Amino acid sequence: MTKSALNALTRGLARDLGPRGITVNLVHPGPTNSDMNPEDGEQAEAQRQMIAVGHYGQPEDIASAVTFLASPAAGQISGTGLDVDGGLNA
């Protein structure tokens, strides 16, 4: 599924489920340190140069964003995508 399709699905689900008190959001992670994409891997330096904050994200960064979106503090956030990418798309 393309990013555009996921965004459209997120907006549609947010409209459909909002009346039930359910929020729907999408998290767009950027380069994140993992076994498949290590921050010291072959392409890491090239990727780091494109990230505004200059370093890979950690899995905890993504988890923190998801935790926030699932919390009561984010009750008015629905139908949107959150870039957790260190400014890669800035």
PDB file of N, CA and C in Angstrom:
ATOM      1  N   MET A   1       0.854  -1.168   0.000  1.00  0.00           N
ATOM      2  CA  MET A   1       0.000   0.000   0.000  1.00  0.00           C
ATOM      3  C   MET A   1       0.902   1.234   0.000  1.00  0.00           C
ATOM      4  N   THR A   2       0.575   2.220  -0.806  1.00  0.00           N
ATOM      5  CA  THR A   2       1.386   3.432  -0.897  1.00  0.00           C
ATOM      6  C   THR A   2       1.130   4.356   0.291  1.00  0.00           C
ATOM      7  N   LYS A   3       2.059   5.297   0.470  1.00  0.00           N
ATOM      8  CA  LYS A   3       1.905   6.269   1.547  1.00  0.00           C
ATOM      9  C   LYS A   3       0.616   7.077   1.356  1.00  0.00           C
ATOM     10  N   SER A   4       0.323   7.440   0.118  1.00  0.00           N
ATOM     11  CA  SER A   4      -0.912   8.192  -0.163  1.00  0.00           C
ATOM     12  C   SER A   4      -2.151   7.382   0.193  1.00  0.00           C
ATOM     13  N   ALA A   5      -2.127   6.098  -0.119  1.00  0.00           N
ATOM     14  CA  ALA A   5      -3.266   5.235   0.205  1.00  0.00           C
ATOM     15  C   ALA A   5      -3.428   5.105   1.715  1.00  0.00           C
ATOM     16  N   LEU A   6      -2.317   4.970   2.429  1.00  0.00           N
ATOM     17  CA  LEU A   6      -2.391   4.883   3.893  1.00  0.00           C
ATOM     18  C   LEU A   6      -2.942   6.179   4.487  1.00  0.00           C
ATOM     19  N   ASN A   7      -2.516   7.317   3.945  1.00  0.00           N
ATOM     20  CA  ASN A   7      -3.037   8.600   4.428  1.00  0.00           C
ATOM     21  C   ASN A   7      -4.541   8.704   4.193  1.00  0.00           C
ATOM     22  N   ALA A   8      -4.994   8.303   3.015  1.00  0.00           N
ATOM     23  CA  ALA A   8      -6.427   8.345   2.705  1.00  0.00           C
ATOM     24  C   ALA A   8      -7.209   7.392   3.605  1.00  0.00           C
ATOM     25  N   LEU A   9      -6.683   6.206   3.819  1.00  0.00           N
ATOM     26  CA  LEU A   9      -7.337   5.236   4.703  1.00  0.00           C
ATOM     27  C   LEU A   9      -7.438   5.789   6.120  1.00  0.00           C
ATOM     28  N   THR A  10      -6.375   6.418   6.589  1.00  0.00           N
ATOM     29  CA  THR A  10      -6.364   7.000   7.932  1.00  0.00           C
ATOM     30  C   THR A  10      -7.437   8.073   8.066  1.00  0.00           C
ATOM     31  N   ARG A  11      -7.536   8.956   7.086  1.00  0.00           N
ATOM     32  CA  ARG A  11      -8.560  10.011   7.135  1.00  0.00           C
ATOM     33  C   ARG A  11      -9.968   9.422   7.101  1.00  0.00           C
ATOM     34  N   GLY A  12     -10.171   8.439   6.246  1.00  0.00           N
ATOM     35  CA  GLY A  12     -11.492   7.811   6.153  1.00  0.00           C
ATOM     36  C   GLY A  12     -11.893   7.109   7.438  1.00  0.00           C
ATOM     37  N   LEU A  13     -10.966   6.360   8.007  1.00  0.00           N
ATOM     38  CA  LEU A  13     -11.260   5.674   9.270  1.00  0.00           C
ATOM     39  C   LEU A  13     -11.508   6.670  10.395  1.00  0.00           C
ATOM     40  N   ALA A  14     -10.759   7.773  10.398  1.00  0.00           N
ATOM     41  CA  ALA A  14     -10.965   8.793  11.431  1.00  0.00           C
ATOM     42  C   ALA A  14     -12.379   9.360  11.348  1.00  0.00           C
ATOM     43  N   ARG A  15     -12.856   9.611  10.128  1.00  0.00           N
ATOM     44  CA  ARG A  15     -14.229  10.123   9.959  1.00  0.00           C
ATOM     45  C   ARG A  15     -15.258   9.081  10.383  1.00  0.00           C
ATOM     46  N   ASP A  16     -15.031   7.836   9.988  1.00  0.00           N
ATOM     47  CA  ASP A  16     -15.998   6.778  10.293  1.00  0.00           C
ATOM     48  C   ASP A  16     -16.041   6.433  11.778  1.00  0.00           C
ATOM     49  N   LEU A  17     -14.890   6.440  12.430  1.00  0.00           N
ATOM     50  CA  LEU A  17     -14.820   5.984  13.822  1.00  0.00           C
ATOM     51  C   LEU A  17     -14.876   7.114  14.843  1.00  0.00           C
ATOM     52  N   GLY A  18     -14.684   8.342  14.386  1.00  0.00           N
ATOM     53  CA  GLY A  18     -14.720   9.487  15.297  1.00  0.00           C
ATOM     54  C   GLY A  18     -15.980   9.571  16.137  1.00  0.00           C
ATOM     55  N   PRO A  19     -17.167   9.352  15.552  1.00  0.00           N
ATOM     56  CA  PRO A  19     -18.389   9.422  16.353  1.00  0.00           C
ATOM     57  C   PRO A  19     -18.427   8.408  17.502  1.00  0.00           C
ATOM     58  N   ARG A  20     -17.610   7.392  17.425  1.00  0.00           N
ATOM     59  CA  ARG A  20     -17.540   6.395  18.502  1.00  0.00           C
ATOM     60  C   ARG A  20     -16.458   6.740  19.529  1.00  0.00           C
ATOM     61  N   GLY A  21     -15.817   7.883  19.348  1.00  0.00           N
ATOM     62  CA  GLY A  21     -14.766   8.296  20.275  1.00  0.00           C
ATOM     63  C   GLY A  21     -13.415   7.670  19.979  1.00  0.00           C
ATOM     64  N   ILE A  22     -13.260   7.151  18.767  1.00  0.00           N
ATOM     65  CA  ILE A  22     -12.014   6.488  18.387  1.00  0.00           C
ATOM     66  C   ILE A  22     -11.227   7.410  17.463  1.00  0.00           C
ATOM     67  N   THR A  23      -9.976   7.663  17.816  1.00  0.00           N
ATOM     68  CA  THR A  23      -9.103   8.447  16.951  1.00  0.00           C
ATOM     69  C   THR A  23      -8.228   7.498  16.138  1.00  0.00           C
ATOM     70  N   VAL A  24      -7.898   7.925  14.928  1.00  0.00           N
ATOM     71  CA  VAL A  24      -7.070   7.117  14.028  1.00  0.00           C
ATOM     72  C   VAL A  24      -5.979   8.015  13.469  1.00  0.00           C
ATOM     73  N   ASN A  25      -4.742   7.609  13.638  1.00  0.00           N
ATOM     74  CA  ASN A  25      -3.609   8.371  13.137  1.00  0.00           C
ATOM     75  C   ASN A  25      -2.585   7.425  12.542  1.00  0.00           C
ATOM     76  N   LEU A  26      -1.655   7.998  11.819  1.00  0.00           N
ATOM     77  CA  LEU A  26      -0.619   7.240  11.138  1.00  0.00           C
ATOM     78  C   LEU A  26       0.731   7.805  11.552  1.00  0.00           C
ATOM     79  N   VAL A  27       1.671   6.942  11.869  1.00  0.00           N
ATOM     80  CA  VAL A  27       3.026   7.369  12.214  1.00  0.00           C
ATOM     81  C   VAL A  27       3.939   7.030  11.040  1.00  0.00           C
ATOM     82  N   HIS A  28       4.678   8.044  10.580  1.00  0.00           N
ATOM     83  CA  HIS A  28       5.643   7.875   9.496  1.00  0.00           C
ATOM     84  C   HIS A  28       7.042   7.901  10.108  1.00  0.00           C
ATOM     85  N   PRO A  29       7.631   6.743  10.400  1.00  0.00           N
ATOM     86  CA  PRO A  29       8.977   6.764  10.975  1.00  0.00           C
ATOM     87  C   PRO A  29      10.031   7.043   9.909  1.00  0.00           C
ATOM     88  N   GLY A  30      11.072   7.718  10.318  1.00  0.00           N
ATOM     89  CA  GLY A  30      12.230   7.926   9.452  1.00  0.00           C
ATOM     90  C   GLY A  30      13.263   6.852   9.732  1.00  0.00           C
ATOM     91  N   PRO A  31      14.502   7.091   9.318  1.00  0.00           N
ATOM     92  CA  PRO A  31      15.556   6.116   9.589  1.00  0.00           C
ATOM     93  C   PRO A  31      15.654   5.833  11.091  1.00  0.00           C
ATOM     94  N   THR A  32      15.480   4.582  11.428  1.00  0.00           N
ATOM     95  CA  THR A  32      15.448   4.160  12.824  1.00  0.00           C
ATOM     96  C   THR A  32      16.432   3.023  13.020  1.00  0.00           C
ATOM     97  N   ASN A  33      17.247   3.130  14.043  1.00  0.00           N
ATOM     98  CA  ASN A  33      18.242   2.112  14.340  1.00  0.00           C
ATOM     99  C   ASN A  33      17.554   0.776  14.627  1.00  0.00           C
ATOM    100  N   SER A  34      17.899  -0.222  13.837  1.00  0.00           N
ATOM    101  CA  SER A  34      17.326  -1.557  14.012  1.00  0.00           C
ATOM    102  C   SER A  34      18.283  -2.571  13.400  1.00  0.00           C
ATOM    103  N   ASP A  35      17.981  -3.847  13.586  1.00  0.00           N
ATOM    104  CA  ASP A  35      18.811  -4.890  12.978  1.00  0.00           C
ATOM    105  C   ASP A  35      18.833  -4.761  11.461  1.00  0.00           C
ATOM    106  N   MET A  36      17.706  -4.379  10.871  1.00  0.00           N
ATOM    107  CA  MET A  36      17.630  -4.258   9.415  1.00  0.00           C
ATOM    108  C   MET A  36      18.218  -2.947   8.897  1.00  0.00           C
ATOM    109  N   ASN A  37      18.329  -1.946   9.745  1.00  0.00           N
ATOM    110  CA  ASN A  37      18.819  -0.624   9.342  1.00  0.00           C
ATOM    111  C   ASN A  37      19.696  -0.048  10.455  1.00  0.00           C
ATOM    112  N   PRO A  38      20.874  -0.656  10.693  1.00  0.00           N
ATOM    113  CA  PRO A  38      21.708  -0.205  11.810  1.00  0.00           C
ATOM    114  C   PRO A  38      22.285   1.187  11.578  1.00  0.00           C
ATOM    115  N   GLU A  39      22.394   1.954  12.657  1.00  0.00           N
ATOM    116  CA  GLU A  39      22.910   3.313  12.540  1.00  0.00           C
ATOM    117  C   GLU A  39      24.385   3.352  12.171  1.00  0.00           C
ATOM    118  N   ASP A  40      25.040   2.200  12.141  1.00  0.00           N
ATOM    119  CA  ASP A  40      26.435   2.134  11.694  1.00  0.00           C
ATOM    120  C   ASP A  40      26.575   1.278  10.432  1.00  0.00           C
ATOM    121  N   GLY A  41      25.475   1.109   9.696  1.00  0.00           N
ATOM    122  CA  GLY A  41      25.469   0.294   8.482  1.00  0.00           C
ATOM    123  C   GLY A  41      26.080   1.010   7.283  1.00  0.00           C
ATOM    124  N   GLU A  42      26.087   0.310   6.149  1.00  0.00           N
ATOM    125  CA  GLU A  42      26.700   0.808   4.915  1.00  0.00           C
ATOM    126  C   GLU A  42      26.177   2.170   4.476  1.00  0.00           C
ATOM    127  N   GLN A  43      24.885   2.352   4.505  1.00  0.00           N
ATOM    128  CA  GLN A  43      24.259   3.582   4.009  1.00  0.00           C
ATOM    129  C   GLN A  43      23.993   4.609   5.108  1.00  0.00           C
ATOM    130  N   ALA A  44      24.443   4.318   6.323  1.00  0.00           N
ATOM    131  CA  ALA A  44      24.084   5.154   7.468  1.00  0.00           C
ATOM    132  C   ALA A  44      24.566   6.593   7.325  1.00  0.00           C
ATOM    133  N   GLU A  45      25.792   6.795   6.905  1.00  0.00           N
ATOM    134  CA  GLU A  45      26.319   8.160   6.816  1.00  0.00           C
ATOM    135  C   GLU A  45      25.538   8.984   5.795  1.00  0.00           C
ATOM    136  N   ALA A  46      25.233   8.401   4.660  1.00  0.00           N
ATOM    137  CA  ALA A  46      24.454   9.111   3.641  1.00  0.00           C
ATOM    138  C   ALA A  46      23.067   9.468   4.175  1.00  0.00           C
ATOM    139  N   GLN A  47      22.447   8.555   4.906  1.00  0.00           N
ATOM    140  CA  GLN A  47      21.123   8.841   5.474  1.00  0.00           C
ATOM    141  C   GLN A  47      21.216   9.919   6.544  1.00  0.00           C
ATOM    142  N   ARG A  48      22.235   9.836   7.399  1.00  0.00           N
ATOM    143  CA  ARG A  48      22.389  10.830   8.469  1.00  0.00           C
ATOM    144  C   ARG A  48      22.521  12.243   7.907  1.00  0.00           C
ATOM    145  N   GLN A  49      23.164  12.380   6.766  1.00  0.00           N
ATOM    146  CA  GLN A  49      23.344  13.703   6.164  1.00  0.00           C
ATOM    147  C   GLN A  49      22.025  14.311   5.710  1.00  0.00           C
ATOM    148  N   MET A  50      21.021  13.490   5.494  1.00  0.00           N
ATOM    149  CA  MET A  50      19.711  13.991   5.066  1.00  0.00           C
ATOM    150  C   MET A  50      18.764  14.255   6.239  1.00  0.00           C
ATOM    151  N   ILE A  51      19.145  13.831   7.440  1.00  0.00           N
ATOM    152  CA  ILE A  51      18.293  13.990   8.623  1.00  0.00           C
ATOM    153  C   ILE A  51      18.658  15.302   9.314  1.00  0.00           C
ATOM    154  N   ALA A  52      17.691  16.179   9.512  1.00  0.00           N
ATOM    155  CA  ALA A  52      17.953  17.505  10.082  1.00  0.00           C
ATOM    156  C   ALA A  52      18.651  17.431  11.438  1.00  0.00           C
ATOM    157  N   VAL A  53      18.262  16.489  12.292  1.00  0.00           N
ATOM    158  CA  VAL A  53      18.884  16.403  13.617  1.00  0.00           C
ATOM    159  C   VAL A  53      20.217  15.662  13.581  1.00  0.00           C
ATOM    160  N   GLY A  54      20.557  15.070  12.437  1.00  0.00           N
ATOM    161  CA  GLY A  54      21.874  14.483  12.240  1.00  0.00           C
ATOM    162  C   GLY A  54      22.096  13.096  12.797  1.00  0.00           C
ATOM    163  N   HIS A  55      21.046  12.435  13.251  1.00  0.00           N
ATOM    164  CA  HIS A  55      21.231  11.073  13.766  1.00  0.00           C
ATOM    165  C   HIS A  55      19.964  10.252  13.576  1.00  0.00           C
ATOM    166  N   TYR A  56      20.163   8.943  13.572  1.00  0.00           N
ATOM    167  CA  TYR A  56      19.041   8.009  13.454  1.00  0.00           C
ATOM    168  C   TYR A  56      18.129   8.122  14.669  1.00  0.00           C
ATOM    169  N   GLY A  57      16.879   7.798  14.444  1.00  0.00           N
ATOM    170  CA  GLY A  57      15.967   7.650  15.558  1.00  0.00           C
ATOM    171  C   GLY A  57      16.175   6.300  16.224  1.00  0.00           C
ATOM    172  N   GLN A  58      15.642   6.173  17.399  1.00  0.00           N
ATOM    173  CA  GLN A  58      15.692   4.915  18.134  1.00  0.00           C
ATOM    174  C   GLN A  58      14.263   4.364  18.205  1.00  0.00           C
ATOM    175  N   PRO A  59      14.113   3.057  18.342  1.00  0.00           N
ATOM    176  CA  PRO A  59      12.761   2.495  18.442  1.00  0.00           C
ATOM    177  C   PRO A  59      11.914   3.180  19.520  1.00  0.00           C
ATOM    178  N   GLU A  60      12.560   3.610  20.588  1.00  0.00           N
ATOM    179  CA  GLU A  60      11.843   4.280  21.673  1.00  0.00           C
ATOM    180  C   GLU A  60      11.213   5.595  21.206  1.00  0.00           C
ATOM    181  N   ASP A  61      11.834   6.250  20.224  1.00  0.00           N
ATOM    182  CA  ASP A  61      11.270   7.495  19.694  1.00  0.00           C
ATOM    183  C   ASP A  61       9.925   7.241  19.024  1.00  0.00           C
ATOM    184  N   ILE A  62       9.858   6.162  18.265  1.00  0.00           N
ATOM    185  CA  ILE A  62       8.607   5.796  17.600  1.00  0.00           C
ATOM    186  C   ILE A  62       7.569   5.396  18.650  1.00  0.00           C
ATOM    187  N   ALA A  63       8.002   4.596  19.619  1.00  0.00           N
ATOM    188  CA  ALA A  63       7.092   4.150  20.681  1.00  0.00           C
ATOM    189  C   ALA A  63       6.535   5.334  21.464  1.00  0.00           C
ATOM    190  N   SER A  64       7.358   6.333  21.718  1.00  0.00           N
ATOM    191  CA  SER A  64       6.892   7.516  22.453  1.00  0.00           C
ATOM    192  C   SER A  64       5.820   8.269  21.673  1.00  0.00           C
ATOM    193  N   ALA A  65       6.000   8.378  20.364  1.00  0.00           N
ATOM    194  CA  ALA A  65       4.999   9.053  19.533  1.00  0.00           C
ATOM    195  C   ALA A  65       3.678   8.290  19.550  1.00  0.00           C
ATOM    196  N   VAL A  66       3.752   6.974  19.432  1.00  0.00           N
ATOM    197  CA  VAL A  66       2.540   6.150  19.449  1.00  0.00           C
ATOM    198  C   VAL A  66       1.856   6.241  20.813  1.00  0.00           C
ATOM    199  N   THR A  67       2.644   6.207  21.879  1.00  0.00           N
ATOM    200  CA  THR A  67       2.088   6.320  23.228  1.00  0.00           C
ATOM    201  C   THR A  67       1.353   7.646  23.392  1.00  0.00           C
ATOM    202  N   PHE A  68       1.956   8.723  22.899  1.00  0.00           N
ATOM    203  CA  PHE A  68       1.294  10.024  22.974  1.00  0.00           C
ATOM    204  C   PHE A  68      -0.020  10.018  22.197  1.00  0.00           C
ATOM    205  N   LEU A  69       0.016   9.520  20.961  1.00  0.00           N
ATOM    206  CA  LEU A  69      -1.199   9.522  20.138  1.00  0.00           C
ATOM    207  C   LEU A  69      -2.314   8.673  20.748  1.00  0.00           C
ATOM    208  N   ALA A  70      -1.953   7.679  21.536  1.00  0.00           N
ATOM    209  CA  ALA A  70      -2.948   6.818  22.183  1.00  0.00           C
ATOM    210  C   ALA A  70      -3.419   7.381  23.527  1.00  0.00           C
ATOM    211  N   SER A  71      -2.833   8.480  23.954  1.00  0.00           N
ATOM    212  CA  SER A  71      -3.157   9.033  25.268  1.00  0.00           C
ATOM    213  C   SER A  71      -4.304  10.040  25.188  1.00  0.00           C
ATOM    214  N   PRO A  72      -4.932  10.337  26.327  1.00  0.00           N
ATOM    215  CA  PRO A  72      -5.984  11.353  26.355  1.00  0.00           C
ATOM    216  C   PRO A  72      -5.485  12.730  25.906  1.00  0.00           C
ATOM    217  N   ALA A  73      -4.206  13.008  26.074  1.00  0.00           N
ATOM    218  CA  ALA A  73      -3.652  14.304  25.671  1.00  0.00           C
ATOM    219  C   ALA A  73      -3.766  14.536  24.167  1.00  0.00           C
ATOM    220  N   ALA A  74      -3.917  13.465  23.397  1.00  0.00           N
ATOM    221  CA  ALA A  74      -4.023  13.572  21.936  1.00  0.00           C
ATOM    222  C   ALA A  74      -5.456  13.367  21.459  1.00  0.00           C
ATOM    223  N   GLY A  75      -6.407  13.568  22.339  1.00  0.00           N
ATOM    224  CA  GLY A  75      -7.805  13.306  22.012  1.00  0.00           C
ATOM    225  C   GLY A  75      -8.367  14.104  20.844  1.00  0.00           C
ATOM    226  N   GLN A  76      -7.768  15.237  20.517  1.00  0.00           N
ATOM    227  CA  GLN A  76      -8.234  16.056  19.394  1.00  0.00           C
ATOM    228  C   GLN A  76      -7.399  15.843  18.137  1.00  0.00           C
ATOM    229  N   ILE A  77      -6.502  14.889  18.173  1.00  0.00           N
ATOM    230  CA  ILE A  77      -5.667  14.594  17.003  1.00  0.00           C
ATOM    231  C   ILE A  77      -6.205  13.335  16.355  1.00  0.00           C
ATOM    232  N   SER A  78      -6.715  13.471  15.149  1.00  0.00           N
ATOM    233  CA  SER A  78      -7.261  12.318  14.446  1.00  0.00           C
ATOM    234  C   SER A  78      -7.243  12.573  12.946  1.00  0.00           C
ATOM    235  N   GLY A  79      -6.971  11.526  12.201  1.00  0.00           N
ATOM    236  CA  GLY A  79      -6.989  11.613  10.750  1.00  0.00           C
ATOM    237  C   GLY A  79      -5.739  12.213  10.147  1.00  0.00           C
ATOM    238  N   THR A  80      -4.650  12.144  10.857  1.00  0.00           N
ATOM    239  CA  THR A  80      -3.429  12.771  10.367  1.00  0.00           C
ATOM    240  C   THR A  80      -2.243  11.823  10.474  1.00  0.00           C
ATOM    241  N   GLY A  81      -1.170  12.198   9.814  1.00  0.00           N
ATOM    242  CA  GLY A  81       0.072  11.445   9.897  1.00  0.00           C
ATOM    243  C   GLY A  81       1.097  12.250  10.669  1.00  0.00           C
ATOM    244  N   LEU A  82       1.870  11.576  11.484  1.00  0.00           N
ATOM    245  CA  LEU A  82       2.913  12.221  12.276  1.00  0.00           C
ATOM    246  C   LEU A  82       4.264  11.719  11.795  1.00  0.00           C
ATOM    247  N   ASP A  83       5.087  12.636  11.273  1.00  0.00           N
ATOM    248  CA  ASP A  83       6.437  12.274  10.856  1.00  0.00           C
ATOM    249  C   ASP A  83       7.329  12.220  12.084  1.00  0.00           C
ATOM    250  N   VAL A  84       7.884  11.055  12.359  1.00  0.00           N
ATOM    251  CA  VAL A  84       8.846  10.881  13.446  1.00  0.00           C
ATOM    252  C   VAL A  84      10.154  10.510  12.748  1.00  0.00           C
ATOM    253  N   ASP A  85      10.755  11.531  12.132  1.00  0.00           N
ATOM    254  CA  ASP A  85      11.869  11.270  11.224  1.00  0.00           C
ATOM    255  C   ASP A  85      13.071  12.184  11.432  1.00  0.00           C
ATOM    256  N   GLY A  86      13.110  12.886  12.549  1.00  0.00           N
ATOM    257  CA  GLY A  86      14.248  13.750  12.824  1.00  0.00           C
ATOM    258  C   GLY A  86      14.398  14.898  11.837  1.00  0.00           C
ATOM    259  N   GLY A  87      13.337  15.227  11.141  1.00  0.00           N
ATOM    260  CA  GLY A  87      13.388  16.307  10.167  1.00  0.00           C
ATOM    261  C   GLY A  87      13.825  15.863   8.785  1.00  0.00           C
ATOM    262  N   LEU A  88      13.788  14.573   8.507  1.00  0.00           N
ATOM    263  CA  LEU A  88      14.160  14.061   7.187  1.00  0.00           C
ATOM    264  C   LEU A  88      13.330  14.710   6.091  1.00  0.00           C
ATOM    265  N   ASN A  89      12.053  14.929   6.353  1.00  0.00           N
ATOM    266  CA  ASN A  89      11.157  15.505   5.352  1.00  0.00           C
ATOM    267  C   ASN A  89      10.946  17.002   5.532  1.00  0.00           C
ATOM    268  N   ALA A  90      11.801  17.633   6.318  1.00  0.00           N
ATOM    269  CA  ALA A  90      11.660  19.082   6.564  1.00  0.00           C
ATOM    270  C   ALA A  90      12.031  19.876   5.322  1.00  0.00           C
TER     271      ALA A  90
END
